[in-house]
Amino acid sequence: MAGLADRLPMLVELLSEDRDIVRANAADQKKDWNGICSSTLASDLRFFAIADYFLKHDIASFQSQLSEAVKIRIEM
């Protein structure tokens, strides 16, 4: 069985397909009335931040996405 590190590129690709939809849903007050869409966006941003750091060693992307995720959580 492949480990998480081996599956990470595939997981990034799968989650990337819905990235725009998740962001749009979080911005829509009717869809995000209970904060679930914002929570999903924050979780996705955290995942992509860690993946970018692990796969690409992209520190700027890691910091940017993690900062955005934290900001969303604080606003919730």
N, C-alpha and C. Protein backbone atom coordinates (compact mmCIF):
# COMPACT_ATOMS: atom_id res chain seq x y z
N MET A 1 0.85 -1.18 0.00
CA MET A 1 0.00 0.00 0.00
C MET A 1 0.89 1.24 0.00
N ALA A 2 0.56 2.16 -0.86
CA ALA A 2 1.34 3.40 -0.97
C ALA A 2 1.07 4.30 0.23
N GLY A 3 2.10 4.99 0.68
CA GLY A 3 1.96 5.92 1.79
C GLY A 3 1.38 7.24 1.31
N LEU A 4 1.08 8.08 2.27
CA LEU A 4 0.50 9.38 1.96
C LEU A 4 1.42 10.20 1.06
N ALA A 5 2.71 10.15 1.32
CA ALA A 5 3.66 10.91 0.52
C ALA A 5 3.62 10.47 -0.94
N ASP A 6 3.39 9.19 -1.17
CA ASP A 6 3.30 8.69 -2.54
C ASP A 6 2.00 9.10 -3.22
N ARG A 7 0.94 9.24 -2.45
CA ARG A 7 -0.37 9.60 -3.00
C ARG A 7 -0.61 11.10 -3.06
N LEU A 8 0.26 11.88 -2.45
CA LEU A 8 0.04 13.32 -2.34
C LEU A 8 -0.16 14.01 -3.69
N PRO A 9 0.65 13.75 -4.71
CA PRO A 9 0.40 14.41 -6.00
C PRO A 9 -1.00 14.12 -6.57
N MET A 10 -1.46 12.87 -6.41
CA MET A 10 -2.79 12.52 -6.89
C MET A 10 -3.87 13.25 -6.08
N LEU A 11 -3.68 13.34 -4.78
CA LEU A 11 -4.66 14.04 -3.93
C LEU A 11 -4.72 15.52 -4.27
N VAL A 12 -3.58 16.12 -4.54
CA VAL A 12 -3.54 17.54 -4.94
C VAL A 12 -4.32 17.73 -6.24
N GLU A 13 -4.11 16.83 -7.18
CA GLU A 13 -4.81 16.93 -8.46
C GLU A 13 -6.32 16.80 -8.28
N LEU A 14 -6.74 15.85 -7.47
CA LEU A 14 -8.18 15.64 -7.25
C LEU A 14 -8.82 16.83 -6.56
N LEU A 15 -8.20 17.33 -5.51
CA LEU A 15 -8.77 18.47 -4.79
C LEU A 15 -8.71 19.76 -5.61
N SER A 16 -7.74 19.86 -6.49
CA SER A 16 -7.60 21.07 -7.32
C SER A 16 -8.77 21.24 -8.27
N GLU A 17 -9.41 20.15 -8.64
CA GLU A 17 -10.54 20.22 -9.57
C GLU A 17 -11.68 21.06 -9.02
N ASP A 18 -11.87 21.06 -7.71
CA ASP A 18 -12.98 21.77 -7.08
C ASP A 18 -12.57 23.06 -6.38
N ARG A 19 -11.34 23.48 -6.58
CA ARG A 19 -10.83 24.64 -5.85
C ARG A 19 -11.65 25.91 -6.07
N ASP A 20 -12.00 26.19 -7.31
CA ASP A 20 -12.76 27.40 -7.63
C ASP A 20 -14.18 27.32 -7.05
N ILE A 21 -14.76 26.14 -7.08
CA ILE A 21 -16.11 25.96 -6.55
C ILE A 21 -16.13 26.17 -5.04
N VAL A 22 -15.15 25.61 -4.36
CA VAL A 22 -15.06 25.75 -2.90
C VAL A 22 -14.90 27.22 -2.52
N ARG A 23 -14.04 27.93 -3.25
CA ARG A 23 -13.83 29.36 -2.96
C ARG A 23 -15.11 30.16 -3.24
N ALA A 24 -15.80 29.86 -4.34
CA ALA A 24 -17.04 30.57 -4.67
C ALA A 24 -18.12 30.30 -3.62
N ASN A 25 -18.23 29.06 -3.18
CA ASN A 25 -19.23 28.73 -2.16
C ASN A 25 -18.94 29.45 -0.84
N ALA A 26 -17.69 29.58 -0.48
CA ALA A 26 -17.33 30.28 0.76
C ALA A 26 -17.65 31.77 0.66
N ALA A 27 -17.61 32.32 -0.53
CA ALA A 27 -17.89 33.74 -0.72
C ALA A 27 -19.40 34.02 -0.80
N ASP A 28 -20.20 33.00 -1.02
CA ASP A 28 -21.65 33.14 -1.15
C ASP A 28 -22.30 33.00 0.24
N GLN A 29 -22.86 34.08 0.75
CA GLN A 29 -23.44 34.07 2.10
C GLN A 29 -24.61 33.10 2.24
N LYS A 30 -25.34 32.88 1.17
CA LYS A 30 -26.46 31.94 1.24
C LYS A 30 -25.97 30.50 1.40
N LYS A 31 -24.91 30.16 0.69
CA LYS A 31 -24.37 28.79 0.77
C LYS A 31 -23.53 28.59 2.04
N ASP A 32 -22.97 29.68 2.53
CA ASP A 32 -22.07 29.59 3.69
C ASP A 32 -22.75 30.12 4.95
N TRP A 33 -24.05 29.99 5.05
CA TRP A 33 -24.80 30.56 6.16
C TRP A 33 -24.35 30.00 7.51
N ASN A 34 -23.85 28.76 7.53
CA ASN A 34 -23.42 28.16 8.79
C ASN A 34 -21.89 28.03 8.88
N GLY A 35 -21.18 28.54 7.90
CA GLY A 35 -19.72 28.54 7.93
C GLY A 35 -19.05 27.29 7.40
N ILE A 36 -19.83 26.32 6.97
CA ILE A 36 -19.24 25.06 6.52
C ILE A 36 -18.39 25.24 5.26
N CYS A 37 -18.81 26.11 4.37
CA CYS A 37 -18.04 26.35 3.14
C CYS A 37 -16.72 27.05 3.46
N SER A 38 -16.76 27.99 4.39
CA SER A 38 -15.53 28.67 4.82
C SER A 38 -14.59 27.70 5.51
N SER A 39 -15.15 26.81 6.31
CA SER A 39 -14.34 25.82 6.99
C SER A 39 -13.67 24.88 5.98
N THR A 40 -14.42 24.47 4.97
CA THR A 40 -13.87 23.62 3.92
C THR A 40 -12.75 24.33 3.18
N LEU A 41 -12.97 25.60 2.86
CA LEU A 41 -11.94 26.38 2.18
C LEU A 41 -10.68 26.48 3.03
N ALA A 42 -10.83 26.76 4.31
CA ALA A 42 -9.67 26.86 5.20
C ALA A 42 -8.93 25.53 5.27
N SER A 43 -9.65 24.45 5.34
CA SER A 43 -9.01 23.13 5.38
C SER A 43 -8.27 22.83 4.08
N ASP A 44 -8.90 23.16 2.96
CA ASP A 44 -8.26 22.96 1.66
C ASP A 44 -7.00 23.81 1.53
N LEU A 45 -7.07 25.05 1.96
CA LEU A 45 -5.90 25.93 1.89
C LEU A 45 -4.75 25.38 2.72
N ARG A 46 -5.07 24.86 3.89
CA ARG A 46 -4.05 24.26 4.75
C ARG A 46 -3.43 23.04 4.05
N PHE A 47 -4.27 22.21 3.46
CA PHE A 47 -3.78 21.03 2.73
C PHE A 47 -2.85 21.44 1.59
N PHE A 48 -3.29 22.41 0.77
CA PHE A 48 -2.47 22.84 -0.37
C PHE A 48 -1.18 23.51 0.09
N ALA A 49 -1.23 24.22 1.20
CA ALA A 49 -0.01 24.84 1.73
C ALA A 49 1.02 23.77 2.09
N ILE A 50 0.57 22.77 2.80
CA ILE A 50 1.48 21.70 3.21
C ILE A 50 1.97 20.92 1.99
N ALA A 51 1.08 20.66 1.05
CA ALA A 51 1.47 19.93 -0.16
C ALA A 51 2.50 20.72 -0.97
N ASP A 52 2.29 22.03 -1.12
CA ASP A 52 3.26 22.85 -1.86
C ASP A 52 4.62 22.84 -1.18
N TYR A 53 4.63 22.87 0.13
CA TYR A 53 5.90 22.83 0.85
C TYR A 53 6.58 21.47 0.69
N PHE A 54 5.80 20.42 0.85
CA PHE A 54 6.36 19.07 0.78
C PHE A 54 6.82 18.70 -0.63
N LEU A 55 5.98 19.01 -1.63
CA LEU A 55 6.28 18.59 -3.01
C LEU A 55 7.22 19.54 -3.74
N LYS A 56 7.08 20.83 -3.49
CA LYS A 56 7.84 21.83 -4.27
C LYS A 56 8.82 22.64 -3.43
N HIS A 57 8.78 22.48 -2.13
CA HIS A 57 9.58 23.31 -1.22
C HIS A 57 9.31 24.79 -1.45
N ASP A 58 8.04 25.10 -1.72
CA ASP A 58 7.61 26.47 -2.02
C ASP A 58 7.18 27.15 -0.72
N ILE A 59 8.11 27.82 -0.09
CA ILE A 59 7.87 28.44 1.21
C ILE A 59 6.88 29.61 1.09
N ALA A 60 6.99 30.39 0.02
CA ALA A 60 6.09 31.53 -0.16
C ALA A 60 4.64 31.07 -0.29
N SER A 61 4.40 30.04 -1.07
CA SER A 61 3.05 29.51 -1.23
C SER A 61 2.55 28.93 0.09
N PHE A 62 3.41 28.23 0.80
CA PHE A 62 3.06 27.66 2.10
C PHE A 62 2.60 28.77 3.04
N GLN A 63 3.38 29.82 3.15
CA GLN A 63 3.05 30.92 4.07
C GLN A 63 1.78 31.64 3.64
N SER A 64 1.64 31.89 2.36
CA SER A 64 0.48 32.62 1.85
C SER A 64 -0.83 31.86 2.10
N GLN A 65 -0.84 30.59 1.72
CA GLN A 65 -2.06 29.80 1.86
C GLN A 65 -2.38 29.51 3.33
N LEU A 66 -1.37 29.26 4.11
CA LEU A 66 -1.60 29.02 5.53
C LEU A 66 -2.11 30.29 6.22
N SER A 67 -1.57 31.44 5.84
CA SER A 67 -2.05 32.72 6.39
C SER A 67 -3.51 32.96 6.04
N GLU A 68 -3.88 32.65 4.80
CA GLU A 68 -5.28 32.83 4.38
C GLU A 68 -6.19 31.88 5.16
N ALA A 69 -5.74 30.65 5.37
CA ALA A 69 -6.54 29.68 6.13
C ALA A 69 -6.76 30.16 7.57
N VAL A 70 -5.72 30.68 8.18
CA VAL A 70 -5.82 31.18 9.56
C VAL A 70 -6.75 32.38 9.62
N LYS A 71 -6.65 33.26 8.65
CA LYS A 71 -7.53 34.44 8.60
C LYS A 71 -9.01 34.01 8.52
N ILE A 72 -9.28 33.02 7.71
CA ILE A 72 -10.66 32.52 7.59
C ILE A 72 -11.13 31.96 8.93
N ARG A 73 -10.29 31.17 9.58
CA ARG A 73 -10.65 30.57 10.86
C ARG A 73 -10.90 31.64 11.92
N ILE A 74 -10.07 32.68 11.93
CA ILE A 74 -10.25 33.77 12.91
C ILE A 74 -11.57 34.49 12.66
N GLU A 75 -11.89 34.74 11.40
CA GLU A 75 -13.14 35.44 11.06
C GLU A 75 -14.37 34.60 11.39
N MET A 76 -14.20 33.31 11.44
CA MET A 76 -15.35 32.44 11.75
C MET A 76 -15.69 32.59 13.22
